[in-house]
PDB file of N, CA and C in Angstrom:
ATOM      1  N   MET A   1     -11.758 -24.476  -1.861  1.00  0.00           N
ATOM      2  CA  MET A   1     -10.476 -24.489  -1.571  1.00  0.00           C
ATOM      3  C   MET A   1     -10.495 -25.642  -0.458  1.00  0.00           C
ATOM      4  N   GLY A   2      -9.234 -26.323  -0.728  1.00  0.00           N
ATOM      5  CA  GLY A   2      -8.566 -27.178   0.174  1.00  0.00           C
ATOM      6  C   GLY A   2      -8.684 -26.990   1.504  1.00  0.00           C
ATOM      7  N   SER A   3      -7.893 -28.096   2.084  1.00  0.00           N
ATOM      8  CA  SER A   3      -7.777 -27.933   3.692  1.00  0.00           C
ATOM      9  C   SER A   3      -6.613 -26.847   4.153  1.00  0.00           C
ATOM     10  N   SER A   4      -6.681 -26.110   4.888  1.00  0.00           N
ATOM     11  CA  SER A   4      -5.377 -25.206   5.568  1.00  0.00           C
ATOM     12  C   SER A   4      -4.503 -25.916   6.273  1.00  0.00           C
ATOM     13  N   VAL A   5      -4.497 -27.315   6.509  1.00  0.00           N
ATOM     14  CA  VAL A   5      -3.787 -27.729   7.572  1.00  0.00           C
ATOM     15  C   VAL A   5      -2.321 -28.308   6.677  1.00  0.00           C
ATOM     16  N   VAL A   6      -1.423 -27.846   7.567  1.00  0.00           N
ATOM     17  CA  VAL A   6       0.016 -28.040   7.141  1.00  0.00           C
ATOM     18  C   VAL A   6       0.822 -29.184   7.640  1.00  0.00           C
ATOM     19  N   THR A   7       1.437 -30.183   7.671  1.00  0.00           N
ATOM     20  CA  THR A   7       1.642 -31.012   8.538  1.00  0.00           C
ATOM     21  C   THR A   7       3.323 -30.389   8.629  1.00  0.00           C
ATOM     22  N   GLY A   8       3.912 -31.278   9.769  1.00  0.00           N
ATOM     23  CA  GLY A   8       5.332 -30.906   9.909  1.00  0.00           C
ATOM     24  C   GLY A   8       6.197 -31.150   8.493  1.00  0.00           C
ATOM     25  N   ALA A   9       6.132 -32.243   8.088  1.00  0.00           N
ATOM     26  CA  ALA A   9       6.779 -32.457   6.731  1.00  0.00           C
ATOM     27  C   ALA A   9       6.648 -31.358   5.626  1.00  0.00           C
ATOM     28  N   GLN A  10       5.675 -30.997   5.716  1.00  0.00           N
ATOM     29  CA  GLN A  10       5.297 -29.900   4.562  1.00  0.00           C
ATOM     30  C   GLN A  10       5.764 -28.485   4.546  1.00  0.00           C
ATOM     31  N   GLN A  11       6.293 -28.223   5.966  1.00  0.00           N
ATOM     32  CA  GLN A  11       6.727 -26.680   6.347  1.00  0.00           C
ATOM     33  C   GLN A  11       7.598 -26.487   5.250  1.00  0.00           C
ATOM     34  N   ARG A  12       8.643 -27.566   4.618  1.00  0.00           N
ATOM     35  CA  ARG A  12       9.758 -27.271   4.470  1.00  0.00           C
ATOM     36  C   ARG A  12       9.131 -26.531   2.751  1.00  0.00           C
ATOM     37  N   TYR A  13       8.018 -26.752   2.451  1.00  0.00           N
ATOM     38  CA  TYR A  13       7.454 -26.443   0.906  1.00  0.00           C
ATOM     39  C   TYR A  13       6.407 -25.014   0.986  1.00  0.00           C
ATOM     40  N   LEU A  14       6.470 -24.548   2.370  1.00  0.00           N
ATOM     41  CA  LEU A  14       5.802 -23.491   2.570  1.00  0.00           C
ATOM     42  C   LEU A  14       6.426 -22.058   1.483  1.00  0.00           C
ATOM     43  N   ARG A  15       5.421 -21.468   0.828  1.00  0.00           N
ATOM     44  CA  ARG A  15       6.049 -19.847   0.196  1.00  0.00           C
ATOM     45  C   ARG A  15       4.977 -19.128   0.541  1.00  0.00           C
ATOM     46  N   ALA A  16       5.518 -18.168   0.488  1.00  0.00           N
ATOM     47  CA  ALA A  16       4.857 -16.907   0.673  1.00  0.00           C
ATOM     48  C   ALA A  16       4.645 -16.125  -0.691  1.00  0.00           C
ATOM     49  N   CYS A  17       3.243 -15.659  -1.184  1.00  0.00           N
ATOM     50  CA  CYS A  17       3.029 -14.691  -2.086  1.00  0.00           C
ATOM     51  C   CYS A  17       4.024 -13.203  -2.003  1.00  0.00           C
ATOM     52  N   MET A  18       4.500 -12.719  -3.292  1.00  0.00           N
ATOM     53  CA  MET A  18       5.427 -11.547  -2.863  1.00  0.00           C
ATOM     54  C   MET A  18       4.450 -10.529  -3.169  1.00  0.00           C
ATOM     55  N   VAL A  19       3.175 -10.809  -3.578  1.00  0.00           N
ATOM     56  CA  VAL A  19       2.270  -9.222  -3.762  1.00  0.00           C
ATOM     57  C   VAL A  19       1.188  -9.487  -2.393  1.00  0.00           C
ATOM     58  N   CYS A  20       1.004 -10.371  -2.259  1.00  0.00           N
ATOM     59  CA  CYS A  20      -0.117 -10.243  -0.845  1.00  0.00           C
ATOM     60  C   CYS A  20       0.353 -11.004   0.384  1.00  0.00           C
ATOM     61  N   SER A  21       1.535 -11.677   0.360  1.00  0.00           N
ATOM     62  CA  SER A  21       1.993 -12.354   1.243  1.00  0.00           C
ATOM     63  C   SER A  21       1.521 -13.582   1.920  1.00  0.00           C
ATOM     64  N   ILE A  22       0.295 -14.155   1.480  1.00  0.00           N
ATOM     65  CA  ILE A  22      -0.282 -15.157   1.769  1.00  0.00           C
ATOM     66  C   ILE A  22       0.687 -16.440   1.726  1.00  0.00           C
ATOM     67  N   VAL A  23       0.638 -17.328   2.733  1.00  0.00           N
ATOM     68  CA  VAL A  23       1.505 -18.421   2.882  1.00  0.00           C
ATOM     69  C   VAL A  23       0.562 -19.728   2.746  1.00  0.00           C
ATOM     70  N   GLN A  24       1.353 -20.398   1.649  1.00  0.00           N
ATOM     71  CA  GLN A  24       0.799 -21.785   1.328  1.00  0.00           C
ATOM     72  C   GLN A  24       1.920 -22.700   0.852  1.00  0.00           C
ATOM     73  N   THR A  25       1.414 -24.132   0.771  1.00  0.00           N
ATOM     74  CA  THR A  25       2.560 -24.933   0.287  1.00  0.00           C
ATOM     75  C   THR A  25       2.450 -24.670  -1.482  1.00  0.00           C
ATOM     76  N   GLN A  26       3.716 -24.707  -1.876  1.00  0.00           N
ATOM     77  CA  GLN A  26       3.935 -24.857  -3.138  1.00  0.00           C
ATOM     78  C   GLN A  26       2.853 -25.763  -4.086  1.00  0.00           C
ATOM     79  N   ALA A  27       2.618 -26.999  -3.743  1.00  0.00           N
ATOM     80  CA  ALA A  27       1.459 -27.688  -4.390  1.00  0.00           C
ATOM     81  C   ALA A  27       0.295 -26.778  -4.256  1.00  0.00           C
ATOM     82  N   ARG A  28      -0.099 -26.069  -3.180  1.00  0.00           N
ATOM     83  CA  ARG A  28      -1.565 -25.373  -3.279  1.00  0.00           C
ATOM     84  C   ARG A  28      -1.452 -24.211  -4.428  1.00  0.00           C
ATOM     85  N   PHE A  29      -0.075 -23.776  -4.379  1.00  0.00           N
ATOM     86  CA  PHE A  29      -0.101 -22.315  -5.202  1.00  0.00           C
ATOM     87  C   PHE A  29      -0.187 -22.849  -6.679  1.00  0.00           C
ATOM     88  N   SER A  30       0.350 -24.348  -6.832  1.00  0.00           N
ATOM     89  CA  SER A  30       0.271 -24.945  -8.119  1.00  0.00           C
ATOM     90  C   SER A  30      -1.159 -25.002  -8.592  1.00  0.00           C
ATOM     91  N   LYS A  31      -1.931 -25.796  -7.787  1.00  0.00           N
ATOM     92  CA  LYS A  31      -3.295 -26.540  -8.027  1.00  0.00           C
ATOM     93  C   LYS A  31      -4.168 -25.422  -7.882  1.00  0.00           C
ATOM     94  N   GLU A  32      -4.252 -24.417  -7.171  1.00  0.00           N
ATOM     95  CA  GLU A  32      -5.267 -23.535  -6.922  1.00  0.00           C
ATOM     96  C   GLU A  32      -4.853 -22.247  -7.500  1.00  0.00           C
ATOM     97  N   GLY A  33      -3.335 -21.682  -7.525  1.00  0.00           N
ATOM     98  CA  GLY A  33      -3.108 -20.393  -7.613  1.00  0.00           C
ATOM     99  C   GLY A  33      -3.145 -19.618  -6.163  1.00  0.00           C
ATOM    100  N   CYS A  34      -2.984 -18.181  -6.179  1.00  0.00           N
ATOM    101  CA  CYS A  34      -2.987 -17.437  -5.300  1.00  0.00           C
ATOM    102  C   CYS A  34      -4.503 -16.692  -5.209  1.00  0.00           C
ATOM    103  N   PRO A  35      -4.877 -16.927  -4.034  1.00  0.00           N
ATOM    104  CA  PRO A  35      -6.413 -16.703  -3.885  1.00  0.00           C
ATOM    105  C   PRO A  35      -6.661 -14.915  -3.789  1.00  0.00           C
ATOM    106  N   ASN A  36      -5.500 -14.411  -3.875  1.00  0.00           N
ATOM    107  CA  ASN A  36      -5.900 -12.986  -3.840  1.00  0.00           C
ATOM    108  C   ASN A  36      -5.290 -12.353  -5.147  1.00  0.00           C
ATOM    109  N   CYS A  37      -4.208 -12.871  -5.639  1.00  0.00           N
ATOM    110  CA  CYS A  37      -3.429 -12.338  -7.096  1.00  0.00           C
ATOM    111  C   CYS A  37      -3.863 -12.954  -8.096  1.00  0.00           C
ATOM    112  N   GLU A  38      -4.526 -14.179  -8.307  1.00  0.00           N
ATOM    113  CA  GLU A  38      -4.351 -15.288  -9.132  1.00  0.00           C
ATOM    114  C   GLU A  38      -4.431 -14.462 -10.923  1.00  0.00           C
ATOM    115  N   SER A  39      -5.520 -13.558 -10.821  1.00  0.00           N
ATOM    116  CA  SER A  39      -6.045 -12.911 -11.914  1.00  0.00           C
ATOM    117  C   SER A  39      -4.950 -12.269 -12.529  1.00  0.00           C
ATOM    118  N   PHE A  40      -3.931 -11.742 -12.027  1.00  0.00           N
ATOM    119  CA  PHE A  40      -2.680 -11.184 -12.675  1.00  0.00           C
ATOM    120  C   PHE A  40      -1.398 -11.819 -12.398  1.00  0.00           C
ATOM    121  N   LEU A  41      -1.290 -12.659 -11.607  1.00  0.00           N
ATOM    122  CA  LEU A  41      -0.090 -13.500 -11.519  1.00  0.00           C
ATOM    123  C   LEU A  41       0.126 -14.835 -12.345  1.00  0.00           C
ATOM    124  N   GLY A  42      -1.107 -15.346 -12.341  1.00  0.00           N
ATOM    125  CA  GLY A  42      -1.207 -16.451 -13.016  1.00  0.00           C
ATOM    126  C   GLY A  42      -0.223 -17.785 -12.466  1.00  0.00           C
ATOM    127  N   LEU A  43      -0.389 -18.053 -11.329  1.00  0.00           N
ATOM    128  CA  LEU A  43       0.476 -19.250 -10.521  1.00  0.00           C
ATOM    129  C   LEU A  43       0.026 -20.643 -11.011  1.00  0.00           C
ATOM    130  N   GLN A  44      -1.167 -20.780 -11.046  1.00  0.00           N
ATOM    131  CA  GLN A  44      -1.820 -21.905 -11.107  1.00  0.00           C
ATOM    132  C   GLN A  44      -1.245 -22.889 -12.279  1.00  0.00           C
ATOM    133  N   ASN A  45      -0.692 -24.369 -11.980  1.00  0.00           N
ATOM    134  CA  ASN A  45      -0.081 -24.711 -12.851  1.00  0.00           C
ATOM    135  C   ASN A  45       1.297 -24.072 -13.772  1.00  0.00           C
ATOM    136  N   SER A  46       1.961 -23.365 -13.139  1.00  0.00           N
ATOM    137  CA  SER A  46       2.786 -22.437 -13.433  1.00  0.00           C
ATOM    138  C   SER A  46       4.105 -22.623 -12.732  1.00  0.00           C
ATOM    139  N   SER A  47       4.727 -23.586 -12.743  1.00  0.00           N
ATOM    140  CA  SER A  47       5.974 -23.672 -11.865  1.00  0.00           C
ATOM    141  C   SER A  47       6.917 -22.231 -12.025  1.00  0.00           C
ATOM    142  N   ASP A  48       7.205 -22.007 -13.325  1.00  0.00           N
ATOM    143  CA  ASP A  48       7.922 -20.516 -13.253  1.00  0.00           C
ATOM    144  C   ASP A  48       7.439 -19.659 -12.760  1.00  0.00           C
ATOM    145  N   SER A  49       6.350 -19.369 -12.582  1.00  0.00           N
ATOM    146  CA  SER A  49       5.580 -17.957 -12.167  1.00  0.00           C
ATOM    147  C   SER A  49       5.593 -18.244 -10.590  1.00  0.00           C
ATOM    148  N   ILE A  50       5.503 -19.393  -9.996  1.00  0.00           N
ATOM    149  CA  ILE A  50       5.568 -19.781  -8.602  1.00  0.00           C
ATOM    150  C   ILE A  50       6.827 -19.418  -8.296  1.00  0.00           C
ATOM    151  N   GLN A  51       7.983 -19.752  -8.766  1.00  0.00           N
ATOM    152  CA  GLN A  51       9.141 -19.303  -8.294  1.00  0.00           C
ATOM    153  C   GLN A  51       9.454 -17.698  -8.432  1.00  0.00           C
ATOM    154  N   ASP A  52       8.988 -17.179  -9.488  1.00  0.00           N
ATOM    155  CA  ASP A  52       9.141 -15.887  -9.562  1.00  0.00           C
ATOM    156  C   ASP A  52       8.318 -14.796  -8.583  1.00  0.00           C
ATOM    157  N   CYS A  53       6.986 -15.415  -8.445  1.00  0.00           N
ATOM    158  CA  CYS A  53       6.281 -14.628  -7.870  1.00  0.00           C
ATOM    159  C   CYS A  53       6.176 -15.148  -6.041  1.00  0.00           C
ATOM    160  N   THR A  54       6.565 -15.952  -5.460  1.00  0.00           N
ATOM    161  CA  THR A  54       6.555 -16.288  -4.177  1.00  0.00           C
ATOM    162  C   THR A  54       7.963 -16.845  -3.753  1.00  0.00           C
ATOM    163  N   SER A  55       8.249 -16.465  -2.620  1.00  0.00           N
ATOM    164  CA  SER A  55       9.407 -16.804  -1.884  1.00  0.00           C
ATOM    165  C   SER A  55       9.293 -17.689  -0.826  1.00  0.00           C
ATOM    166  N   GLN A  56      10.634 -18.538  -0.494  1.00  0.00           N
ATOM    167  CA  GLN A  56      10.480 -19.458   0.359  1.00  0.00           C
ATOM    168  C   GLN A  56      11.251 -18.572   1.758  1.00  0.00           C
ATOM    169  N   VAL A  57      11.544 -17.683   1.718  1.00  0.00           N
ATOM    170  CA  VAL A  57      12.100 -16.834   2.691  1.00  0.00           C
ATOM    171  C   VAL A  57      10.964 -15.670   2.941  1.00  0.00           C
ATOM    172  N   PHE A  58      10.785 -16.104   4.476  1.00  0.00           N
ATOM    173  CA  PHE A  58       9.569 -14.973   4.672  1.00  0.00           C
ATOM    174  C   PHE A  58       9.675 -14.974   6.599  1.00  0.00           C
ATOM    175  N   GLU A  59       9.499 -14.216   7.100  1.00  0.00           N
ATOM    176  CA  GLU A  59       9.296 -13.967   8.678  1.00  0.00           C
ATOM    177  C   GLU A  59       7.866 -13.762   9.264  1.00  0.00           C
ATOM    178  N   GLY A  60       7.904 -14.426  10.299  1.00  0.00           N
ATOM    179  CA  GLY A  60       6.612 -14.185  10.877  1.00  0.00           C
ATOM    180  C   GLY A  60       5.274 -14.631  10.356  1.00  0.00           C
ATOM    181  N   LEU A  61       4.051 -15.050  11.407  1.00  0.00           N
ATOM    182  CA  LEU A  61       2.983 -15.666  10.617  1.00  0.00           C
ATOM    183  C   LEU A  61       1.805 -14.806  11.157  1.00  0.00           C
ATOM    184  N   ILE A  62       0.782 -14.449  10.444  1.00  0.00           N
ATOM    185  CA  ILE A  62      -0.362 -13.957  10.974  1.00  0.00           C
ATOM    186  C   ILE A  62      -1.623 -14.478  10.517  1.00  0.00           C
ATOM    187  N   THR A  63      -2.523 -14.906  11.268  1.00  0.00           N
ATOM    188  CA  THR A  63      -3.817 -15.642  11.066  1.00  0.00           C
ATOM    189  C   THR A  63      -4.685 -14.771  10.834  1.00  0.00           C
ATOM    190  N   LEU A  64      -5.313 -14.617   9.598  1.00  0.00           N
ATOM    191  CA  LEU A  64      -6.477 -13.586   9.742  1.00  0.00           C
ATOM    192  C   LEU A  64      -7.849 -14.317   9.712  1.00  0.00           C
ATOM    193  N   GLN A  65      -8.663 -14.221  10.324  1.00  0.00           N
ATOM    194  CA  GLN A  65     -10.047 -14.564  10.384  1.00  0.00           C
ATOM    195  C   GLN A  65     -10.848 -13.701   9.661  1.00  0.00           C
ATOM    196  N   ASP A  66     -10.731 -12.639   9.675  1.00  0.00           N
ATOM    197  CA  ASP A  66     -11.584 -11.565   9.415  1.00  0.00           C
ATOM    198  C   ASP A  66     -11.018 -10.041   8.670  1.00  0.00           C
ATOM    199  N   PRO A  67     -10.443 -10.324   7.446  1.00  0.00           N
ATOM    200  CA  PRO A  67      -9.402  -9.320   7.324  1.00  0.00           C
ATOM    201  C   PRO A  67     -10.163  -7.945   7.160  1.00  0.00           C
ATOM    202  N   SER A  68     -11.597  -7.828   7.014  1.00  0.00           N
ATOM    203  CA  SER A  68     -12.065  -6.586   6.967  1.00  0.00           C
ATOM    204  C   SER A  68     -12.322  -5.947   8.038  1.00  0.00           C
ATOM    205  N   THR A  69     -12.287  -6.494   9.251  1.00  0.00           N
ATOM    206  CA  THR A  69     -12.297  -5.944  10.701  1.00  0.00           C
ATOM    207  C   THR A  69     -10.740  -5.851  11.513  1.00  0.00           C
ATOM    208  N   SER A  70     -10.208  -6.967  11.145  1.00  0.00           N
ATOM    209  CA  SER A  70      -8.811  -6.583  12.084  1.00  0.00           C
ATOM    210  C   SER A  70      -7.876  -5.397  11.862  1.00  0.00           C
ATOM    211  N   TRP A  71      -7.387  -5.147  12.831  1.00  0.00           N
ATOM    212  CA  TRP A  71      -6.571  -3.998  12.816  1.00  0.00           C
ATOM    213  C   TRP A  71      -5.432  -4.528  12.543  1.00  0.00           C
ATOM    214  N   VAL A  72      -4.817  -5.630  12.696  1.00  0.00           N
ATOM    215  CA  VAL A  72      -3.832  -6.396  12.096  1.00  0.00           C
ATOM    216  C   VAL A  72      -3.915  -6.535  10.524  1.00  0.00           C
ATOM    217  N   ALA A  73      -4.688  -6.665  10.105  1.00  0.00           N
ATOM    218  CA  ALA A  73      -4.787  -6.433   8.555  1.00  0.00           C
ATOM    219  C   ALA A  73      -4.763  -5.246   8.064  1.00  0.00           C
ATOM    220  N   ARG A  74      -5.299  -4.216   8.704  1.00  0.00           N
ATOM    221  CA  ARG A  74      -4.778  -2.764   8.328  1.00  0.00           C
ATOM    222  C   ARG A  74      -3.481  -2.487   8.245  1.00  0.00           C
ATOM    223  N   TRP A  75      -2.981  -2.935   9.392  1.00  0.00           N
ATOM    224  CA  TRP A  75      -1.665  -2.491   9.531  1.00  0.00           C
ATOM    225  C   TRP A  75      -0.402  -3.191   8.722  1.00  0.00           C
ATOM    226  N   GLN A  76      -0.722  -4.297   8.434  1.00  0.00           N
ATOM    227  CA  GLN A  76      -0.163  -5.174   7.150  1.00  0.00           C
ATOM    228  C   GLN A  76      -0.819  -4.703   5.873  1.00  0.00           C
ATOM    229  N   ARG A  77      -1.298  -4.047   5.702  1.00  0.00           N
ATOM    230  CA  ARG A  77      -2.075  -3.642   4.165  1.00  0.00           C
ATOM    231  C   ARG A  77      -2.773  -4.938   3.734  1.00  0.00           C
ATOM    232  N   LEU A  78      -3.340  -5.703   4.754  1.00  0.00           N
ATOM    233  CA  LEU A  78      -4.279  -6.960   4.009  1.00  0.00           C
ATOM    234  C   LEU A  78      -5.776  -7.055   3.783  1.00  0.00           C
ATOM    235  N   GLU A  79      -6.321  -5.725   4.322  1.00  0.00           N
ATOM    236  CA  GLU A  79      -7.505  -5.688   3.854  1.00  0.00           C
ATOM    237  C   GLU A  79      -8.098  -5.970   2.417  1.00  0.00           C
ATOM    238  N   GLY A  80      -9.240  -6.820   2.279  1.00  0.00           N
ATOM    239  CA  GLY A  80      -9.721  -6.971   1.361  1.00  0.00           C
ATOM    240  C   GLY A  80      -9.671  -8.093   0.604  1.00  0.00           C
ATOM    241  N   TYR A  81      -8.405  -8.915   1.523  1.00  0.00           N
ATOM    242  CA  TYR A  81      -7.792 -10.283   0.717  1.00  0.00           C
ATOM    243  C   TYR A  81      -8.581 -11.612   1.615  1.00  0.00           C
ATOM    244  N   VAL A  82      -8.417 -12.469   1.343  1.00  0.00           N
ATOM    245  CA  VAL A  82      -9.124 -13.901   2.090  1.00  0.00           C
ATOM    246  C   VAL A  82      -8.755 -14.050   3.130  1.00  0.00           C
ATOM    247  N   ARG A  83      -9.456 -14.680   3.783  1.00  0.00           N
ATOM    248  CA  ARG A  83      -8.959 -15.043   5.476  1.00  0.00           C
ATOM    249  C   ARG A  83      -7.826 -16.198   4.934  1.00  0.00           C
ATOM    250  N   GLY A  84      -6.829 -16.214   5.728  1.00  0.00           N
ATOM    251  CA  GLY A  84      -5.803 -17.305   5.784  1.00  0.00           C
ATOM    252  C   GLY A  84      -4.542 -16.742   6.483  1.00  0.00           C
ATOM    253  N   ILE A  85      -3.416 -17.580   6.156  1.00  0.00           N
ATOM    254  CA  ILE A  85      -2.177 -17.127   7.094  1.00  0.00           C
ATOM    255  C   ILE A  85      -1.127 -16.306   6.192  1.00  0.00           C
ATOM    256  N   TYR A  86      -0.893 -15.517   6.486  1.00  0.00           N
ATOM    257  CA  TYR A  86       0.085 -14.512   5.701  1.00  0.00           C
ATOM    258  C   TYR A  86       1.411 -14.306   6.206  1.00  0.00           C
ATOM    259  N   ALA A  87       2.545 -13.886   5.811  1.00  0.00           N
ATOM    260  CA  ALA A  87       3.897 -13.718   6.603  1.00  0.00           C
ATOM    261  C   ALA A  87       4.049 -11.983   6.562  1.00  0.00           C
ATOM    262  N   VAL A  88       4.796 -11.909   7.679  1.00  0.00           N
ATOM    263  CA  VAL A  88       5.041 -10.166   8.033  1.00  0.00           C
ATOM    264  C   VAL A  88       5.787  -9.693   7.219  1.00  0.00           C
ATOM    265  N   LYS A  89       6.847 -10.852   6.845  1.00  0.00           N
ATOM    266  CA  LYS A  89       7.774 -10.106   6.054  1.00  0.00           C
ATOM    267  C   LYS A  89       8.110 -11.047   4.734  1.00  0.00           C
ATOM    268  N   VAL A  90       8.417 -10.887   3.549  1.00  0.00           N
ATOM    269  CA  VAL A  90       8.727 -11.694   2.509  1.00  0.00           C
ATOM    270  C   VAL A  90       9.738 -10.861   1.816  1.00  0.00           C
ATOM    271  N   VAL A  91      11.144 -11.705   1.911  1.00  0.00           N
ATOM    272  CA  VAL A  91      12.169 -11.452   1.108  1.00  0.00           C
ATOM    273  C   VAL A  91      12.036 -11.978  -0.187  1.00  0.00           C
ATOM    274  N   GLY A  92      12.191 -10.989  -1.187  1.00  0.00           N
ATOM    275  CA  GLY A  92      12.339 -11.144  -2.734  1.00  0.00           C
ATOM    276  C   GLY A  92      12.021 -10.047  -3.725  1.00  0.00           C
ATOM    277  N   THR A  93      12.123 -10.069  -4.715  1.00  0.00           N
ATOM    278  CA  THR A  93      11.821  -8.900  -5.577  1.00  0.00           C
ATOM    279  C   THR A  93      11.302  -9.377  -6.679  1.00  0.00           C
ATOM    280  N   LEU A  94      10.111  -8.919  -7.354  1.00  0.00           N
ATOM    281  CA  LEU A  94       9.162  -9.265  -8.180  1.00  0.00           C
ATOM    282  C   LEU A  94       9.926  -8.859  -9.513  1.00  0.00           C
ATOM    283  N   PRO A  95       9.783  -9.851 -10.527  1.00  0.00           N
ATOM    284  CA  PRO A  95      10.302  -9.286 -11.835  1.00  0.00           C
ATOM    285  C   PRO A  95       9.704  -8.171 -12.571  1.00  0.00           C
ATOM    286  N   ASP A  96      10.396  -7.449 -13.371  1.00  0.00           N
ATOM    287  CA  ASP A  96       9.855  -6.012 -13.811  1.00  0.00           C
ATOM    288  C   ASP A  96       8.422  -6.320 -14.662  1.00  0.00           C
ATOM    289  N   ASP A  97       8.361  -7.736 -15.514  1.00  0.00           N
ATOM    290  CA  ASP A  97       7.156  -7.696 -15.924  1.00  0.00           C
ATOM    291  C   ASP A  97       5.959  -8.272 -15.254  1.00  0.00           C
ATOM    292  N   VAL A  98       6.410  -8.793 -13.954  1.00  0.00           N
ATOM    293  CA  VAL A  98       5.206  -8.901 -13.270  1.00  0.00           C
ATOM    294  C   VAL A  98       4.899  -7.694 -12.348  1.00  0.00           C
ATOM    295  N   LYS A  99       5.857  -6.815 -12.209  1.00  0.00           N
ATOM    296  CA  LYS A  99       5.450  -5.523 -11.751  1.00  0.00           C
ATOM    297  C   LYS A  99       4.276  -4.394 -12.898  1.00  0.00           C
ATOM    298  N   GLN A 100       4.797  -4.717 -14.256  1.00  0.00           N
ATOM    299  CA  GLN A 100       4.084  -4.226 -15.276  1.00  0.00           C
ATOM    300  C   GLN A 100       2.629  -4.667 -15.612  1.00  0.00           C
ATOM    301  N   ASN A 101       2.689  -6.022 -15.047  1.00  0.00           N
ATOM    302  CA  ASN A 101       1.025  -6.717 -15.138  1.00  0.00           C
ATOM    303  C   ASN A 101       0.147  -6.221 -14.006  1.00  0.00           C
ATOM    304  N   LEU A 102       0.987  -5.922 -12.970  1.00  0.00           N
ATOM    305  CA  LEU A 102       0.225  -5.316 -12.108  1.00  0.00           C
ATOM    306  C   LEU A 102      -0.409  -4.396 -12.122  1.00  0.00           C
ATOM    307  N   GLU A 103       0.546  -3.293 -12.721  1.00  0.00           N
ATOM    308  CA  GLU A 103       0.298  -1.832 -13.283  1.00  0.00           C
ATOM    309  C   GLU A 103      -1.024  -1.876 -14.484  1.00  0.00           C
ATOM    310  N   ASP A 104      -0.792  -2.871 -15.114  1.00  0.00           N
ATOM    311  CA  ASP A 104      -1.689  -3.080 -16.321  1.00  0.00           C
ATOM    312  C   ASP A 104      -3.171  -3.396 -15.969  1.00  0.00           C
ATOM    313  N   ALA A 105      -3.377  -4.503 -14.747  1.00  0.00           N
ATOM    314  CA  ALA A 105      -4.311  -4.425 -14.068  1.00  0.00           C
ATOM    315  C   ALA A 105      -4.790  -3.631 -13.004  1.00  0.00           C
ATOM    316  N   GLY A 106      -4.423  -2.433 -12.823  1.00  0.00           N
ATOM    317  CA  GLY A 106      -4.584  -1.302 -11.708  1.00  0.00           C
ATOM    318  C   GLY A 106      -4.348  -1.824 -10.507  1.00  0.00           C
ATOM    319  N   ALA A 107      -3.701  -2.619 -10.053  1.00  0.00           N
ATOM    320  CA  ALA A 107      -3.390  -3.112  -8.509  1.00  0.00           C
ATOM    321  C   ALA A 107      -2.247  -2.104  -7.981  1.00  0.00           C
ATOM    322  N   ARG A 108      -2.219  -1.859  -7.021  1.00  0.00           N
ATOM    323  CA  ARG A 108      -1.026  -1.285  -6.098  1.00  0.00           C
ATOM    324  C   ARG A 108      -0.305  -2.244  -5.656  1.00  0.00           C
ATOM    325  N   TYR A 109       0.998  -2.360  -5.952  1.00  0.00           N
ATOM    326  CA  TYR A 109       2.001  -3.027  -5.457  1.00  0.00           C
ATOM    327  C   TYR A 109       2.588  -2.402  -4.299  1.00  0.00           C
ATOM    328  N   VAL A 110       2.474  -3.260  -3.046  1.00  0.00           N
ATOM    329  CA  VAL A 110       3.131  -2.795  -1.829  1.00  0.00           C
ATOM    330  C   VAL A 110       4.295  -3.907  -1.281  1.00  0.00           C
ATOM    331  N   PRO A 111       5.448  -3.632  -1.466  1.00  0.00           N
ATOM    332  CA  PRO A 111       6.610  -4.262  -1.084  1.00  0.00           C
ATOM    333  C   PRO A 111       6.323  -4.981   0.166  1.00  0.00           C
ATOM    334  N   ARG A 112       6.679  -6.522   0.268  1.00  0.00           N
ATOM    335  CA  ARG A 112       6.379  -7.332   1.529  1.00  0.00           C
ATOM    336  C   ARG A 112       7.776  -7.280   2.323  1.00  0.00           C
ATOM    337  N   ASP A 113       9.038  -6.674   1.798  1.00  0.00           N
ATOM    338  CA  ASP A 113       9.892  -7.137   2.448  1.00  0.00           C
ATOM    339  C   ASP A 113      10.633  -5.972   3.561  1.00  0.00           C
ATOM    340  N   GLY A 114       9.778  -5.553   4.179  1.00  0.00           N
ATOM    341  CA  GLY A 114       9.862  -4.671   5.221  1.00  0.00           C
ATOM    342  C   GLY A 114      10.082  -2.891   4.843  1.00  0.00           C
ATOM    343  N   THR A 115      10.339  -2.809   3.519  1.00  0.00           N
ATOM    344  CA  THR A 115      10.873  -1.416   3.336  1.00  0.00           C
ATOM    345  C   THR A 115       9.756  -0.428   3.379  1.00  0.00           C
ATOM    346  N   THR A 116       9.847   0.423   3.624  1.00  0.00           N
ATOM    347  CA  THR A 116       8.582   1.525   4.015  1.00  0.00           C
ATOM    348  C   THR A 116       8.144   2.116   2.472  1.00  0.00           C
ATOM    349  N   GLU A 117       9.056   1.924   1.543  1.00  0.00           N
ATOM    350  CA  GLU A 117       8.292   2.910   0.307  1.00  0.00           C
ATOM    351  C   GLU A 117       7.289   1.944  -0.266  1.00  0.00           C
ATOM    352  N   GLU A 118       6.162   2.438  -0.749  1.00  0.00           N
ATOM    353  CA  GLU A 118       5.402   1.852  -1.363  1.00  0.00           C
ATOM    354  C   GLU A 118       5.323   2.449  -2.985  1.00  0.00           C
ATOM    355  N   GLU A 119       5.226   1.312  -3.898  1.00  0.00           N
ATOM    356  CA  GLU A 119       5.149   1.953  -5.408  1.00  0.00           C
ATOM    357  C   GLU A 119       4.017   2.083  -5.720  1.00  0.00           C
ATOM    358  N   GLU A 120       3.731   3.121  -6.444  1.00  0.00           N
ATOM    359  CA  GLU A 120       2.477   3.474  -7.232  1.00  0.00           C
ATOM    360  C   GLU A 120       2.503   2.717  -8.592  1.00  0.00           C
ATOM    361  N   VAL A 121       1.882   1.346  -8.568  1.00  0.00           N
ATOM    362  CA  VAL A 121       1.637   0.734  -9.883  1.00  0.00           C
ATOM    363  C   VAL A 121       0.475   1.118 -10.523  1.00  0.00           C
TER     364      VAL A 121
END
């Protein structure tokens, strides 16, 4: 995995995954995909998938060093994810076909937009 340093000039290119809420630059999503969701989102080298499954509109940032022991990770439902920077709230709606891919992969989709309803996918 490459450097996590984001310069001030790169901040405008930050995006948050709508499934896990990890925040990365658009270029990093394109080069490496999502470290938590790549197996069912397929963001790597796919600008269309990046546009559909990530959002430039997000609020708050959480830095997780050890998601397995962090109370913040439990509160944000981030247990089991890689360490990194996550958004508290991500604005956007996943396309229905992506939700179906999540269901087919046996993943549980937790909307990251601040709504309290969880979708059992």
